Amino acid sequence: MLRSVFTKRAAVGALSVSLVGIAFTVFAQNKPAAPNPAVTQPRQAPPANASQPSAPPASTPQPNTSQAAASANAQPAWSARCASISRQAPLECTLDQQVVVQATRQQISFISVRVPGDTRQPVMMIQLPLGLYLPAGLTLQIDEGKAQVLAIQSCDQRACYVGLPVAPDLLDSLKKGQRLNLAMQTMNREPVTIVHPLAEFGMQYQKIQ
């Protein structure tokens, strides 16, 4: 009988240890990840001689890059707006467009063309989804024109970013073009292209130039 009591107590003890282990595992899985202090913020890597415009945060969770690009469509028009920090300050104007996944309405890319009030020289910020093979960079091409390979400058927990000044020839191509192709690679080296329509770019840009 003493052996039976001992056996029951051992079984209860083993069950308690097992439940504690399960509880600890669930807690560890649900515990939010601590922020990575090494994550680069998008404003820390501006393009040369150009300041980066602000970009809205990407939707979370991030969609699968290749699947999202295959089922994405752009918003119907480019959105133009101007504002100033005071009556005496010059207007800061931006023209932007986002591409979203049709099924979930999650944003996968965002382009903002900003015209600073002081220099009036446009700069472009491109926001890309996470999960990219960074060494491949971003290939920018308007219609069937010359492709331009750009470095992906920074990433944070929301997205990756590319910034560049908009030279006169690039601006002219944006005004006359039909589509802006953003080509990149996923972490598995699969090619992905996101298309931003340019049909209304020229008309909307007249409002901010």
N, C-alpha and C. Protein backbone atom coordinates (compact mmCIF):
# COMPACT_ATOMS: atom_id res chain seq x y z
N MET A 1 0.84 -1.21 0.00
CA MET A 1 0.00 0.00 0.00
C MET A 1 0.87 1.25 0.00
N LEU A 2 1.97 1.22 0.75
CA LEU A 2 2.89 2.36 0.78
C LEU A 2 3.46 2.60 -0.60
N ARG A 3 3.79 1.51 -1.31
CA ARG A 3 4.31 1.65 -2.67
C ARG A 3 3.26 2.28 -3.58
N SER A 4 1.98 1.94 -3.41
CA SER A 4 0.92 2.51 -4.24
C SER A 4 0.79 4.00 -4.01
N VAL A 5 0.85 4.45 -2.73
CA VAL A 5 0.78 5.88 -2.42
C VAL A 5 1.94 6.62 -3.04
N PHE A 6 3.12 6.04 -2.93
CA PHE A 6 4.32 6.66 -3.50
C PHE A 6 4.18 6.81 -5.02
N THR A 7 3.62 5.74 -5.65
CA THR A 7 3.46 5.78 -7.12
C THR A 7 2.49 6.87 -7.53
N LYS A 8 1.37 7.02 -6.79
CA LYS A 8 0.39 8.06 -7.11
C LYS A 8 0.98 9.44 -6.94
N ARG A 9 1.76 9.62 -5.87
CA ARG A 9 2.39 10.94 -5.66
C ARG A 9 3.38 11.27 -6.77
N ALA A 10 4.13 10.30 -7.24
CA ALA A 10 5.09 10.52 -8.32
C ALA A 10 4.37 10.90 -9.61
N ALA A 11 3.23 10.23 -9.86
CA ALA A 11 2.47 10.54 -11.07
C ALA A 11 1.93 11.95 -11.04
N VAL A 12 1.40 12.38 -9.86
CA VAL A 12 0.90 13.75 -9.72
C VAL A 12 2.02 14.74 -9.92
N GLY A 13 3.19 14.45 -9.35
CA GLY A 13 4.33 15.37 -9.51
C GLY A 13 4.75 15.48 -10.97
N ALA A 14 4.79 14.35 -11.68
CA ALA A 14 5.16 14.39 -13.10
C ALA A 14 4.15 15.17 -13.91
N LEU A 15 2.84 15.02 -13.59
CA LEU A 15 1.80 15.77 -14.28
C LEU A 15 1.95 17.26 -14.04
N SER A 16 2.28 17.65 -12.81
CA SER A 16 2.46 19.07 -12.50
C SER A 16 3.62 19.65 -13.30
N VAL A 17 4.73 18.92 -13.35
CA VAL A 17 5.89 19.40 -14.13
C VAL A 17 5.52 19.53 -15.59
N SER A 18 4.74 18.54 -16.11
CA SER A 18 4.34 18.60 -17.51
C SER A 18 3.48 19.81 -17.79
N LEU A 19 2.51 20.12 -16.90
CA LEU A 19 1.64 21.29 -17.09
C LEU A 19 2.43 22.58 -17.03
N VAL A 20 3.39 22.64 -16.13
CA VAL A 20 4.23 23.85 -16.05
C VAL A 20 5.00 24.04 -17.33
N GLY A 21 5.54 22.91 -17.87
CA GLY A 21 6.28 23.02 -19.12
C GLY A 21 5.41 23.50 -20.25
N ILE A 22 4.17 22.98 -20.33
CA ILE A 22 3.25 23.42 -21.39
C ILE A 22 2.91 24.89 -21.24
N ALA A 23 2.63 25.33 -20.01
CA ALA A 23 2.30 26.73 -19.77
C ALA A 23 3.47 27.63 -20.17
N PHE A 24 4.69 27.23 -19.85
CA PHE A 24 5.86 28.04 -20.19
C PHE A 24 6.04 28.13 -21.70
N THR A 25 5.75 26.99 -22.39
CA THR A 25 5.88 26.99 -23.84
C THR A 25 4.88 27.93 -24.49
N VAL A 26 3.63 27.91 -24.03
CA VAL A 26 2.61 28.80 -24.57
C VAL A 26 2.97 30.25 -24.30
N PHE A 27 3.45 30.52 -23.08
CA PHE A 27 3.84 31.89 -22.74
C PHE A 27 4.96 32.37 -23.64
N ALA A 28 5.93 31.50 -23.90
CA ALA A 28 7.07 31.88 -24.74
C ALA A 28 6.64 32.15 -26.16
N GLN A 29 5.66 31.34 -26.66
CA GLN A 29 5.20 31.55 -28.02
C GLN A 29 4.42 32.84 -28.16
N ASN A 30 3.68 33.21 -27.12
CA ASN A 30 2.85 34.41 -27.19
C ASN A 30 3.56 35.67 -26.72
N LYS A 31 4.75 35.52 -26.18
CA LYS A 31 5.47 36.68 -25.68
C LYS A 31 5.91 37.55 -26.82
N PRO A 32 5.60 38.86 -26.83
CA PRO A 32 5.98 39.72 -27.94
C PRO A 32 7.49 39.83 -28.04
N ALA A 33 7.97 39.87 -29.30
CA ALA A 33 9.41 39.97 -29.52
C ALA A 33 9.92 41.34 -29.12
N ALA A 34 11.05 41.36 -28.48
CA ALA A 34 11.64 42.63 -28.08
C ALA A 34 12.13 43.37 -29.31
N PRO A 35 12.00 44.70 -29.35
CA PRO A 35 12.46 45.45 -30.51
C PRO A 35 13.95 45.30 -30.70
N ASN A 36 14.34 45.21 -31.96
CA ASN A 36 15.75 45.05 -32.31
C ASN A 36 16.42 46.42 -32.37
N PRO A 37 17.37 46.72 -31.48
CA PRO A 37 17.98 48.06 -31.50
C PRO A 37 18.79 48.32 -32.74
N ALA A 38 19.11 47.25 -33.51
CA ALA A 38 19.92 47.44 -34.71
C ALA A 38 19.08 47.76 -35.93
N VAL A 39 17.73 47.75 -35.80
CA VAL A 39 16.87 48.02 -36.94
C VAL A 39 17.08 49.46 -37.40
N THR A 40 17.24 49.64 -38.70
CA THR A 40 17.47 50.97 -39.25
C THR A 40 16.15 51.64 -39.56
N GLN A 41 16.02 52.87 -39.12
CA GLN A 41 14.82 53.62 -39.42
C GLN A 41 14.94 54.23 -40.81
N PRO A 42 13.79 54.40 -41.51
CA PRO A 42 13.86 54.84 -42.90
C PRO A 42 14.49 56.20 -43.07
N ARG A 43 14.39 57.09 -42.10
CA ARG A 43 14.93 58.43 -42.26
C ARG A 43 16.43 58.51 -42.04
N GLN A 44 17.07 57.40 -41.67
CA GLN A 44 18.50 57.42 -41.44
C GLN A 44 19.31 57.17 -42.70
N ALA A 45 18.64 56.88 -43.83
CA ALA A 45 19.38 56.60 -45.04
C ALA A 45 18.81 57.38 -46.21
N PRO A 46 18.81 58.73 -46.16
CA PRO A 46 18.25 59.52 -47.24
C PRO A 46 19.14 59.46 -48.46
N PRO A 47 18.62 59.63 -49.68
CA PRO A 47 19.44 59.68 -50.88
C PRO A 47 20.29 60.94 -50.88
N ALA A 48 21.35 60.93 -51.69
CA ALA A 48 22.27 62.05 -51.73
C ALA A 48 21.55 63.30 -52.21
N ASN A 49 21.77 64.40 -51.47
CA ASN A 49 21.20 65.71 -51.81
C ASN A 49 19.68 65.68 -51.90
N ALA A 50 19.07 64.81 -51.17
CA ALA A 50 17.61 64.76 -51.19
C ALA A 50 17.13 64.31 -49.83
N SER A 51 16.02 64.90 -49.37
CA SER A 51 15.42 64.50 -48.10
C SER A 51 14.26 63.57 -48.39
N GLN A 52 14.07 62.59 -47.54
CA GLN A 52 13.04 61.59 -47.78
C GLN A 52 11.70 62.09 -47.27
N PRO A 53 10.64 61.93 -48.08
CA PRO A 53 9.30 62.25 -47.58
C PRO A 53 8.82 61.15 -46.67
N SER A 54 7.88 61.52 -45.87
CA SER A 54 7.33 60.52 -44.95
C SER A 54 6.43 59.58 -45.72
N ALA A 55 6.38 58.33 -45.29
CA ALA A 55 5.54 57.33 -45.93
C ALA A 55 4.66 56.69 -44.88
N PRO A 56 3.42 56.35 -45.24
CA PRO A 56 2.52 55.76 -44.25
C PRO A 56 2.96 54.37 -43.89
N PRO A 57 2.68 53.91 -42.69
CA PRO A 57 3.08 52.56 -42.29
C PRO A 57 2.40 51.51 -43.12
N ALA A 58 3.13 50.44 -43.38
CA ALA A 58 2.56 49.33 -44.13
C ALA A 58 1.59 48.54 -43.26
N SER A 59 0.65 47.87 -43.92
CA SER A 59 -0.30 47.06 -43.18
C SER A 59 0.40 45.88 -42.55
N THR A 60 -0.07 45.43 -41.43
CA THR A 60 0.47 44.24 -40.79
C THR A 60 -0.66 43.25 -40.57
N PRO A 61 -0.41 41.94 -40.70
CA PRO A 61 0.88 41.37 -41.02
C PRO A 61 1.25 41.55 -42.47
N GLN A 62 2.55 41.43 -42.80
CA GLN A 62 2.99 41.61 -44.16
C GLN A 62 2.52 40.45 -45.02
N PRO A 63 2.00 40.71 -46.22
CA PRO A 63 1.59 39.63 -47.09
C PRO A 63 2.79 38.95 -47.71
N ASN A 64 2.59 37.72 -48.20
CA ASN A 64 3.63 37.05 -48.95
C ASN A 64 3.95 37.86 -50.19
N THR A 65 5.23 38.15 -50.43
CA THR A 65 5.61 39.09 -51.48
C THR A 65 5.18 38.62 -52.85
N SER A 66 5.49 37.37 -53.21
CA SER A 66 5.19 36.89 -54.55
C SER A 66 3.68 36.76 -54.76
N GLN A 67 2.96 36.25 -53.77
CA GLN A 67 1.51 36.11 -53.90
C GLN A 67 0.85 37.47 -53.95
N ALA A 68 1.33 38.41 -53.15
CA ALA A 68 0.73 39.74 -53.13
C ALA A 68 0.91 40.45 -54.46
N ALA A 69 2.11 40.36 -55.03
CA ALA A 69 2.38 41.03 -56.30
C ALA A 69 1.52 40.45 -57.42
N ALA A 70 1.23 39.16 -57.35
CA ALA A 70 0.45 38.52 -58.39
C ALA A 70 -1.02 38.93 -58.33
N SER A 71 -1.51 39.37 -57.18
CA SER A 71 -2.93 39.69 -57.03
C SER A 71 -3.14 41.13 -56.58
N ALA A 72 -2.21 42.02 -56.97
CA ALA A 72 -2.27 43.39 -56.50
C ALA A 72 -2.84 44.32 -57.56
N ASN A 73 -3.41 45.41 -57.11
CA ASN A 73 -3.83 46.46 -58.03
C ASN A 73 -3.64 47.80 -57.35
N ALA A 74 -3.35 48.82 -58.16
CA ALA A 74 -3.09 50.14 -57.60
C ALA A 74 -4.40 50.86 -57.31
N GLN A 75 -4.32 51.85 -56.46
CA GLN A 75 -5.46 52.71 -56.23
C GLN A 75 -5.76 53.48 -57.51
N PRO A 76 -6.99 53.92 -57.72
CA PRO A 76 -7.39 54.46 -59.02
C PRO A 76 -6.63 55.71 -59.45
N ALA A 77 -6.05 56.46 -58.54
CA ALA A 77 -5.41 57.71 -58.95
C ALA A 77 -4.26 58.05 -58.03
N TRP A 78 -3.37 58.89 -58.55
CA TRP A 78 -2.34 59.48 -57.72
C TRP A 78 -2.98 60.58 -56.88
N SER A 79 -2.55 60.68 -55.64
CA SER A 79 -3.12 61.66 -54.71
C SER A 79 -2.13 62.79 -54.49
N ALA A 80 -2.57 64.01 -54.77
CA ALA A 80 -1.72 65.20 -54.62
C ALA A 80 -2.20 66.02 -53.44
N ARG A 81 -1.25 66.55 -52.67
CA ARG A 81 -1.60 67.43 -51.55
C ARG A 81 -0.43 68.35 -51.23
N CYS A 82 -0.74 69.50 -50.67
CA CYS A 82 0.26 70.48 -50.27
C CYS A 82 -0.08 71.01 -48.89
N ALA A 83 0.94 71.33 -48.12
CA ALA A 83 0.74 71.87 -46.78
C ALA A 83 2.00 72.61 -46.37
N SER A 84 1.87 73.46 -45.36
CA SER A 84 3.02 74.19 -44.81
C SER A 84 2.89 74.22 -43.30
N ILE A 85 4.02 74.36 -42.63
CA ILE A 85 4.00 74.36 -41.17
C ILE A 85 3.54 75.70 -40.61
N SER A 86 3.57 76.74 -41.42
CA SER A 86 3.10 78.05 -40.99
C SER A 86 2.74 78.88 -42.22
N ARG A 87 2.13 80.03 -41.99
CA ARG A 87 1.75 80.89 -43.10
C ARG A 87 2.97 81.45 -43.84
N GLN A 88 4.05 81.62 -43.12
CA GLN A 88 5.25 82.16 -43.73
C GLN A 88 6.10 81.09 -44.40
N ALA A 89 5.90 79.83 -44.04
CA ALA A 89 6.72 78.74 -44.58
C ALA A 89 6.24 78.37 -45.98
N PRO A 90 7.17 77.94 -46.84
CA PRO A 90 6.77 77.50 -48.19
C PRO A 90 5.96 76.21 -48.14
N LEU A 91 5.18 75.98 -49.17
CA LEU A 91 4.37 74.78 -49.26
C LEU A 91 5.25 73.56 -49.52
N GLU A 92 4.93 72.48 -48.84
CA GLU A 92 5.55 71.18 -49.09
C GLU A 92 4.49 70.33 -49.79
N CYS A 93 4.78 69.89 -51.00
CA CYS A 93 3.79 69.16 -51.78
C CYS A 93 4.25 67.73 -52.05
N THR A 94 3.31 66.81 -52.08
CA THR A 94 3.60 65.41 -52.36
C THR A 94 2.56 64.84 -53.32
N LEU A 95 3.01 63.85 -54.08
CA LEU A 95 2.13 63.10 -54.98
C LEU A 95 2.41 61.63 -54.72
N ASP A 96 1.40 60.87 -54.33
CA ASP A 96 1.68 59.49 -53.96
C ASP A 96 0.59 58.53 -54.44
N GLN A 97 0.99 57.25 -54.43
CA GLN A 97 0.10 56.17 -54.85
C GLN A 97 0.54 54.89 -54.15
N GLN A 98 -0.41 54.06 -53.79
CA GLN A 98 -0.11 52.78 -53.16
C GLN A 98 -0.67 51.63 -53.97
N VAL A 99 -0.04 50.47 -53.82
CA VAL A 99 -0.52 49.23 -54.43
C VAL A 99 -0.93 48.31 -53.29
N VAL A 100 -2.11 47.73 -53.40
CA VAL A 100 -2.64 46.88 -52.34
C VAL A 100 -3.04 45.52 -52.91
N VAL A 101 -3.16 44.53 -52.03
CA VAL A 101 -3.65 43.21 -52.41
C VAL A 101 -5.18 43.26 -52.49
N GLN A 102 -5.71 42.80 -53.58
CA GLN A 102 -7.16 42.89 -53.81
C GLN A 102 -7.96 42.21 -52.70
N ALA A 103 -7.54 41.02 -52.32
CA ALA A 103 -8.35 40.23 -51.39
C ALA A 103 -8.35 40.81 -49.99
N THR A 104 -7.20 41.29 -49.52
CA THR A 104 -7.07 41.73 -48.13
C THR A 104 -6.94 43.23 -47.97
N ARG A 105 -6.74 43.96 -49.08
CA ARG A 105 -6.52 45.41 -49.06
C ARG A 105 -5.26 45.78 -48.29
N GLN A 106 -4.32 44.84 -48.16
CA GLN A 106 -3.06 45.14 -47.51
C GLN A 106 -2.12 45.84 -48.48
N GLN A 107 -1.44 46.85 -48.01
CA GLN A 107 -0.50 47.59 -48.84
C GLN A 107 0.78 46.79 -49.03
N ILE A 108 1.27 46.73 -50.28
CA ILE A 108 2.55 46.08 -50.51
C ILE A 108 3.60 47.03 -51.07
N SER A 109 3.18 48.14 -51.65
CA SER A 109 4.16 49.15 -52.09
C SER A 109 3.51 50.52 -52.05
N PHE A 110 4.38 51.52 -51.94
CA PHE A 110 3.92 52.90 -51.83
C PHE A 110 4.97 53.80 -52.45
N ILE A 111 4.56 54.73 -53.30
CA ILE A 111 5.48 55.69 -53.93
C ILE A 111 5.02 57.09 -53.59
N SER A 112 5.96 57.91 -53.17
CA SER A 112 5.68 59.30 -52.85
C SER A 112 6.71 60.18 -53.55
N VAL A 113 6.23 61.12 -54.34
CA VAL A 113 7.09 62.12 -54.98
C VAL A 113 6.87 63.44 -54.25
N ARG A 114 7.92 63.94 -53.65
CA ARG A 114 7.82 65.14 -52.83
C ARG A 114 8.55 66.30 -53.49
N VAL A 115 7.91 67.45 -53.47
CA VAL A 115 8.52 68.68 -53.99
C VAL A 115 8.76 69.60 -52.80
N PRO A 116 10.01 69.70 -52.32
CA PRO A 116 10.29 70.56 -51.16
C PRO A 116 10.00 72.03 -51.47
N GLY A 117 9.58 72.72 -50.43
CA GLY A 117 9.24 74.12 -50.63
C GLY A 117 10.44 75.00 -50.91
N ASP A 118 11.65 74.61 -50.47
CA ASP A 118 12.82 75.46 -50.66
C ASP A 118 13.52 75.22 -51.99
N THR A 119 13.84 73.97 -52.29
CA THR A 119 14.59 73.67 -53.51
C THR A 119 13.71 73.46 -54.73
N ARG A 120 12.48 73.01 -54.53
CA ARG A 120 11.55 72.67 -55.61
C ARG A 120 12.08 71.56 -56.50
N GLN A 121 13.05 70.81 -56.00
CA GLN A 121 13.60 69.68 -56.74
C GLN A 121 12.95 68.40 -56.23
N PRO A 122 12.18 67.71 -57.06
CA PRO A 122 11.42 66.55 -56.57
C PRO A 122 12.33 65.39 -56.15
N VAL A 123 11.91 64.69 -55.13
CA VAL A 123 12.57 63.47 -54.67
C VAL A 123 11.51 62.39 -54.54
N MET A 124 11.93 61.15 -54.68
CA MET A 124 11.00 60.02 -54.64
C MET A 124 11.36 59.07 -53.51
N MET A 125 10.35 58.64 -52.78
CA MET A 125 10.50 57.60 -51.78
C MET A 125 9.66 56.40 -52.23
N ILE A 126 10.28 55.22 -52.27
CA ILE A 126 9.59 53.98 -52.63
C ILE A 126 9.60 53.07 -51.42
N GLN A 127 8.43 52.65 -50.99
CA GLN A 127 8.30 51.73 -49.86
C GLN A 127 7.94 50.35 -50.39
N LEU A 128 8.73 49.35 -50.00
CA LEU A 128 8.59 47.99 -50.51
C LEU A 128 8.22 47.03 -49.38
N PRO A 129 7.68 45.85 -49.73
CA PRO A 129 7.35 44.88 -48.68
C PRO A 129 8.60 44.25 -48.09
N LEU A 130 8.45 43.62 -46.94
CA LEU A 130 9.53 42.86 -46.33
C LEU A 130 9.68 41.52 -47.05
N GLY A 131 10.74 40.78 -46.68
CA GLY A 131 10.95 39.47 -47.28
C GLY A 131 11.67 39.50 -48.60
N LEU A 132 12.47 40.54 -48.85
CA LEU A 132 13.18 40.67 -50.11
C LEU A 132 14.64 40.23 -49.97
N TYR A 133 15.22 39.83 -51.10
CA TYR A 133 16.64 39.55 -51.16
C TYR A 133 17.35 40.88 -51.43
N LEU A 134 17.89 41.49 -50.39
CA LEU A 134 18.38 42.86 -50.45
C LEU A 134 19.53 43.06 -51.43
N PRO A 135 20.50 42.12 -51.57
CA PRO A 135 21.60 42.37 -52.52
C PRO A 135 21.14 42.57 -53.96
N ALA A 136 19.97 42.04 -54.33
CA ALA A 136 19.48 42.22 -55.70
C ALA A 136 18.99 43.63 -55.95
N GLY A 137 18.70 44.38 -54.90
CA GLY A 137 18.24 45.75 -55.04
C GLY A 137 16.87 45.85 -55.68
N LEU A 138 16.57 47.04 -56.20
CA LEU A 138 15.30 47.32 -56.86
C LEU A 138 15.58 47.80 -58.27
N THR A 139 14.91 47.21 -59.25
CA THR A 139 15.03 47.64 -60.64
C THR A 139 13.81 48.47 -60.99
N LEU A 140 14.04 49.72 -61.36
CA LEU A 140 12.97 50.65 -61.71
C LEU A 140 12.96 50.83 -63.22
N GLN A 141 11.80 50.64 -63.83
CA GLN A 141 11.67 50.77 -65.28
C GLN A 141 10.31 51.35 -65.63
N ILE A 142 10.30 52.31 -66.53
CA ILE A 142 9.06 52.92 -67.01
C ILE A 142 8.76 52.36 -68.39
N ASP A 143 7.63 51.70 -68.53
CA ASP A 143 7.24 51.02 -69.77
C ASP A 143 8.38 50.11 -70.23
N GLU A 144 8.84 50.28 -71.47
CA GLU A 144 9.94 49.47 -72.00
C GLU A 144 11.24 50.26 -72.04
N GLY A 145 11.32 51.31 -71.25
CA GLY A 145 12.51 52.16 -71.25
C GLY A 145 13.68 51.54 -70.52
N LYS A 146 14.73 52.33 -70.37
CA LYS A 146 15.95 51.87 -69.73
C LYS A 146 15.70 51.56 -68.26
N ALA A 147 16.18 50.40 -67.83
CA ALA A 147 16.02 49.99 -66.44
C ALA A 147 17.12 50.61 -65.58
N GLN A 148 16.76 50.99 -64.37
CA GLN A 148 17.69 51.58 -63.42
C GLN A 148 17.70 50.75 -62.14
N VAL A 149 18.87 50.24 -61.77
CA VAL A 149 19.00 49.42 -60.58
C VAL A 149 19.36 50.31 -59.39
N LEU A 150 18.57 50.21 -58.33
CA LEU A 150 18.76 51.04 -57.15
C LEU A 150 19.01 50.16 -55.93
N ALA A 151 19.82 50.64 -55.02
CA ALA A 151 20.07 49.91 -53.77
C ALA A 151 18.89 50.11 -52.82
N ILE A 152 18.52 49.04 -52.14
CA ILE A 152 17.53 49.15 -51.07
C ILE A 152 18.26 49.71 -49.86
N GLN A 153 17.92 50.93 -49.48
CA GLN A 153 18.74 51.68 -48.54
C GLN A 153 18.55 51.27 -47.09
N SER A 154 17.33 50.93 -46.71
CA SER A 154 17.08 50.61 -45.31
C SER A 154 15.79 49.82 -45.18
N CYS A 155 15.68 49.12 -44.06
CA CYS A 155 14.46 48.37 -43.72
C CYS A 155 14.20 48.55 -42.23
N ASP A 156 12.95 48.50 -41.85
CA ASP A 156 12.58 48.47 -40.44
C ASP A 156 11.57 47.35 -40.26
N GLN A 157 10.81 47.35 -39.20
CA GLN A 157 9.86 46.29 -38.93
C GLN A 157 8.60 46.40 -39.77
N ARG A 158 8.47 47.48 -40.54
CA ARG A 158 7.28 47.67 -41.36
C ARG A 158 7.52 47.39 -42.83
N ALA A 159 8.67 47.85 -43.37
CA ALA A 159 8.90 47.80 -44.81
C ALA A 159 10.36 48.07 -45.11
N CYS A 160 10.69 48.06 -46.40
CA CYS A 160 12.02 48.46 -46.89
C CYS A 160 11.86 49.71 -47.75
N TYR A 161 12.95 50.49 -47.87
CA TYR A 161 12.83 51.82 -48.46
C TYR A 161 13.94 52.10 -49.48
N VAL A 162 13.54 52.81 -50.53
CA VAL A 162 14.48 53.30 -51.55
C VAL A 162 14.14 54.76 -51.79
N GLY A 163 15.14 55.61 -51.75
CA GLY A 163 14.94 57.03 -52.01
C GLY A 163 15.89 57.50 -53.10
N LEU A 164 15.42 58.42 -53.93
CA LEU A 164 16.25 58.95 -55.00
C LEU A 164 15.74 60.30 -55.46
N PRO A 165 16.67 61.18 -55.91
CA PRO A 165 16.21 62.43 -56.51
C PRO A 165 15.60 62.14 -57.88
N VAL A 166 14.59 62.91 -58.24
CA VAL A 166 13.91 62.72 -59.53
C VAL A 166 14.53 63.69 -60.53
N ALA A 167 15.42 63.16 -61.36
CA ALA A 167 16.08 63.97 -62.39
C ALA A 167 15.06 64.39 -63.45
N PRO A 168 15.35 65.45 -64.20
CA PRO A 168 14.40 65.93 -65.22
C PRO A 168 14.00 64.86 -66.23
N ASP A 169 14.95 64.02 -66.66
CA ASP A 169 14.59 62.99 -67.65
C ASP A 169 13.67 61.93 -67.03
N LEU A 170 13.90 61.58 -65.77
CA LEU A 170 13.02 60.63 -65.09
C LEU A 170 11.63 61.23 -64.90
N LEU A 171 11.57 62.49 -64.53
CA LEU A 171 10.28 63.15 -64.33
C LEU A 171 9.50 63.20 -65.65
N ASP A 172 10.19 63.48 -66.75
CA ASP A 172 9.54 63.53 -68.05
C ASP A 172 8.99 62.16 -68.44
N SER A 173 9.76 61.10 -68.12
CA SER A 173 9.29 59.74 -68.43
C SER A 173 8.08 59.37 -67.57
N LEU A 174 8.08 59.80 -66.31
CA LEU A 174 6.93 59.54 -65.45
C LEU A 174 5.67 60.21 -65.98
N LYS A 175 5.81 61.40 -66.50
CA LYS A 175 4.66 62.14 -67.03
C LYS A 175 4.10 61.50 -68.29
N LYS A 176 4.98 60.94 -69.12
CA LYS A 176 4.56 60.39 -70.41
C LYS A 176 4.29 58.89 -70.37
N GLY A 177 4.75 58.21 -69.33
CA GLY A 177 4.66 56.76 -69.29
C GLY A 177 3.29 56.24 -68.92
N GLN A 178 3.13 54.93 -69.07
CA GLN A 178 1.88 54.25 -68.74
C GLN A 178 1.98 53.43 -67.46
N ARG A 179 3.18 52.92 -67.17
CA ARG A 179 3.34 52.10 -65.96
C ARG A 179 4.77 52.20 -65.45
N LEU A 180 4.89 52.19 -64.16
CA LEU A 180 6.17 52.17 -63.48
C LEU A 180 6.36 50.79 -62.88
N ASN A 181 7.35 50.05 -63.37
CA ASN A 181 7.59 48.69 -62.93
C ASN A 181 8.66 48.65 -61.85
N LEU A 182 8.34 48.02 -60.73
CA LEU A 182 9.28 47.82 -59.64
C LEU A 182 9.60 46.34 -59.57
N ALA A 183 10.81 45.96 -59.99
CA ALA A 183 11.21 44.55 -60.03
C ALA A 183 12.20 44.28 -58.90
N MET A 184 12.00 43.14 -58.21
CA MET A 184 12.84 42.76 -57.08
C MET A 184 12.86 41.25 -56.97
N GLN A 185 13.54 40.74 -55.97
CA GLN A 185 13.60 39.30 -55.73
C GLN A 185 13.19 39.01 -54.30
N THR A 186 12.51 37.88 -54.12
CA THR A 186 12.18 37.43 -52.77
C THR A 186 13.41 36.78 -52.14
N MET A 187 13.30 36.40 -50.89
CA MET A 187 14.40 35.73 -50.21
C MET A 187 14.78 34.42 -50.90
N ASN A 188 13.83 33.81 -51.63
CA ASN A 188 14.10 32.59 -52.37
C ASN A 188 14.60 32.86 -53.78
N ARG A 189 14.97 34.10 -54.05
CA ARG A 189 15.48 34.53 -55.36
C ARG A 189 14.41 34.45 -56.46
N GLU A 190 13.16 34.50 -56.10
CA GLU A 190 12.10 34.50 -57.09
C GLU A 190 11.84 35.93 -57.55
N PRO A 191 11.77 36.17 -58.86
CA PRO A 191 11.51 37.53 -59.35
C PRO A 191 10.07 37.97 -59.09
N VAL A 192 9.92 39.21 -58.68
CA VAL A 192 8.60 39.79 -58.40
C VAL A 192 8.58 41.19 -59.01
N THR A 193 7.49 41.53 -59.68
CA THR A 193 7.33 42.86 -60.26
C THR A 193 6.00 43.46 -59.78
N ILE A 194 6.07 44.65 -59.24
CA ILE A 194 4.88 45.40 -58.82
C ILE A 194 4.73 46.58 -59.78
N VAL A 195 3.54 46.77 -60.30
CA VAL A 195 3.29 47.80 -61.31
C VAL A 195 2.48 48.94 -60.71
N HIS A 196 2.98 50.16 -60.89
CA HIS A 196 2.25 51.37 -60.52
C HIS A 196 1.80 52.07 -61.81
N PRO A 197 0.50 52.17 -62.08
CA PRO A 197 0.03 52.88 -63.27
C PRO A 197 0.41 54.36 -63.22
N LEU A 198 0.71 54.91 -64.40
CA LEU A 198 1.14 56.31 -64.49
C LEU A 198 0.15 57.17 -65.29
N ALA A 199 -1.03 56.63 -65.59
CA ALA A 199 -1.97 57.32 -66.47
C ALA A 199 -2.28 58.73 -65.99
N GLU A 200 -2.42 58.93 -64.67
CA GLU A 200 -2.81 60.24 -64.14
C GLU A 200 -1.65 60.99 -63.48
N PHE A 201 -0.44 60.44 -63.60
CA PHE A 201 0.68 61.08 -62.92
C PHE A 201 0.92 62.51 -63.42
N GLY A 202 0.99 62.69 -64.74
CA GLY A 202 1.27 64.00 -65.30
C GLY A 202 0.25 65.05 -64.90
N MET A 203 -1.02 64.69 -64.97
CA MET A 203 -2.09 65.64 -64.63
C MET A 203 -2.02 66.03 -63.15
N GLN A 204 -1.79 65.04 -62.28
CA GLN A 204 -1.74 65.33 -60.86
C GLN A 204 -0.46 66.08 -60.48
N TYR A 205 0.63 65.83 -61.18
CA TYR A 205 1.88 66.50 -60.86
C TYR A 205 1.79 68.01 -61.13
N GLN A 206 0.97 68.40 -62.08
CA GLN A 206 0.80 69.83 -62.36
C GLN A 206 0.28 70.58 -61.14
N LYS A 207 -0.40 69.88 -60.23
CA LYS A 207 -0.96 70.54 -59.06
C LYS A 207 0.09 70.84 -58.00
N ILE A 208 1.24 70.18 -58.07
CA ILE A 208 2.23 70.36 -57.00
C ILE A 208 3.55 70.94 -57.50
N GLN A 209 3.74 71.08 -58.79
CA GLN A 209 5.04 71.55 -59.31
C GLN A 209 5.22 73.06 -59.08
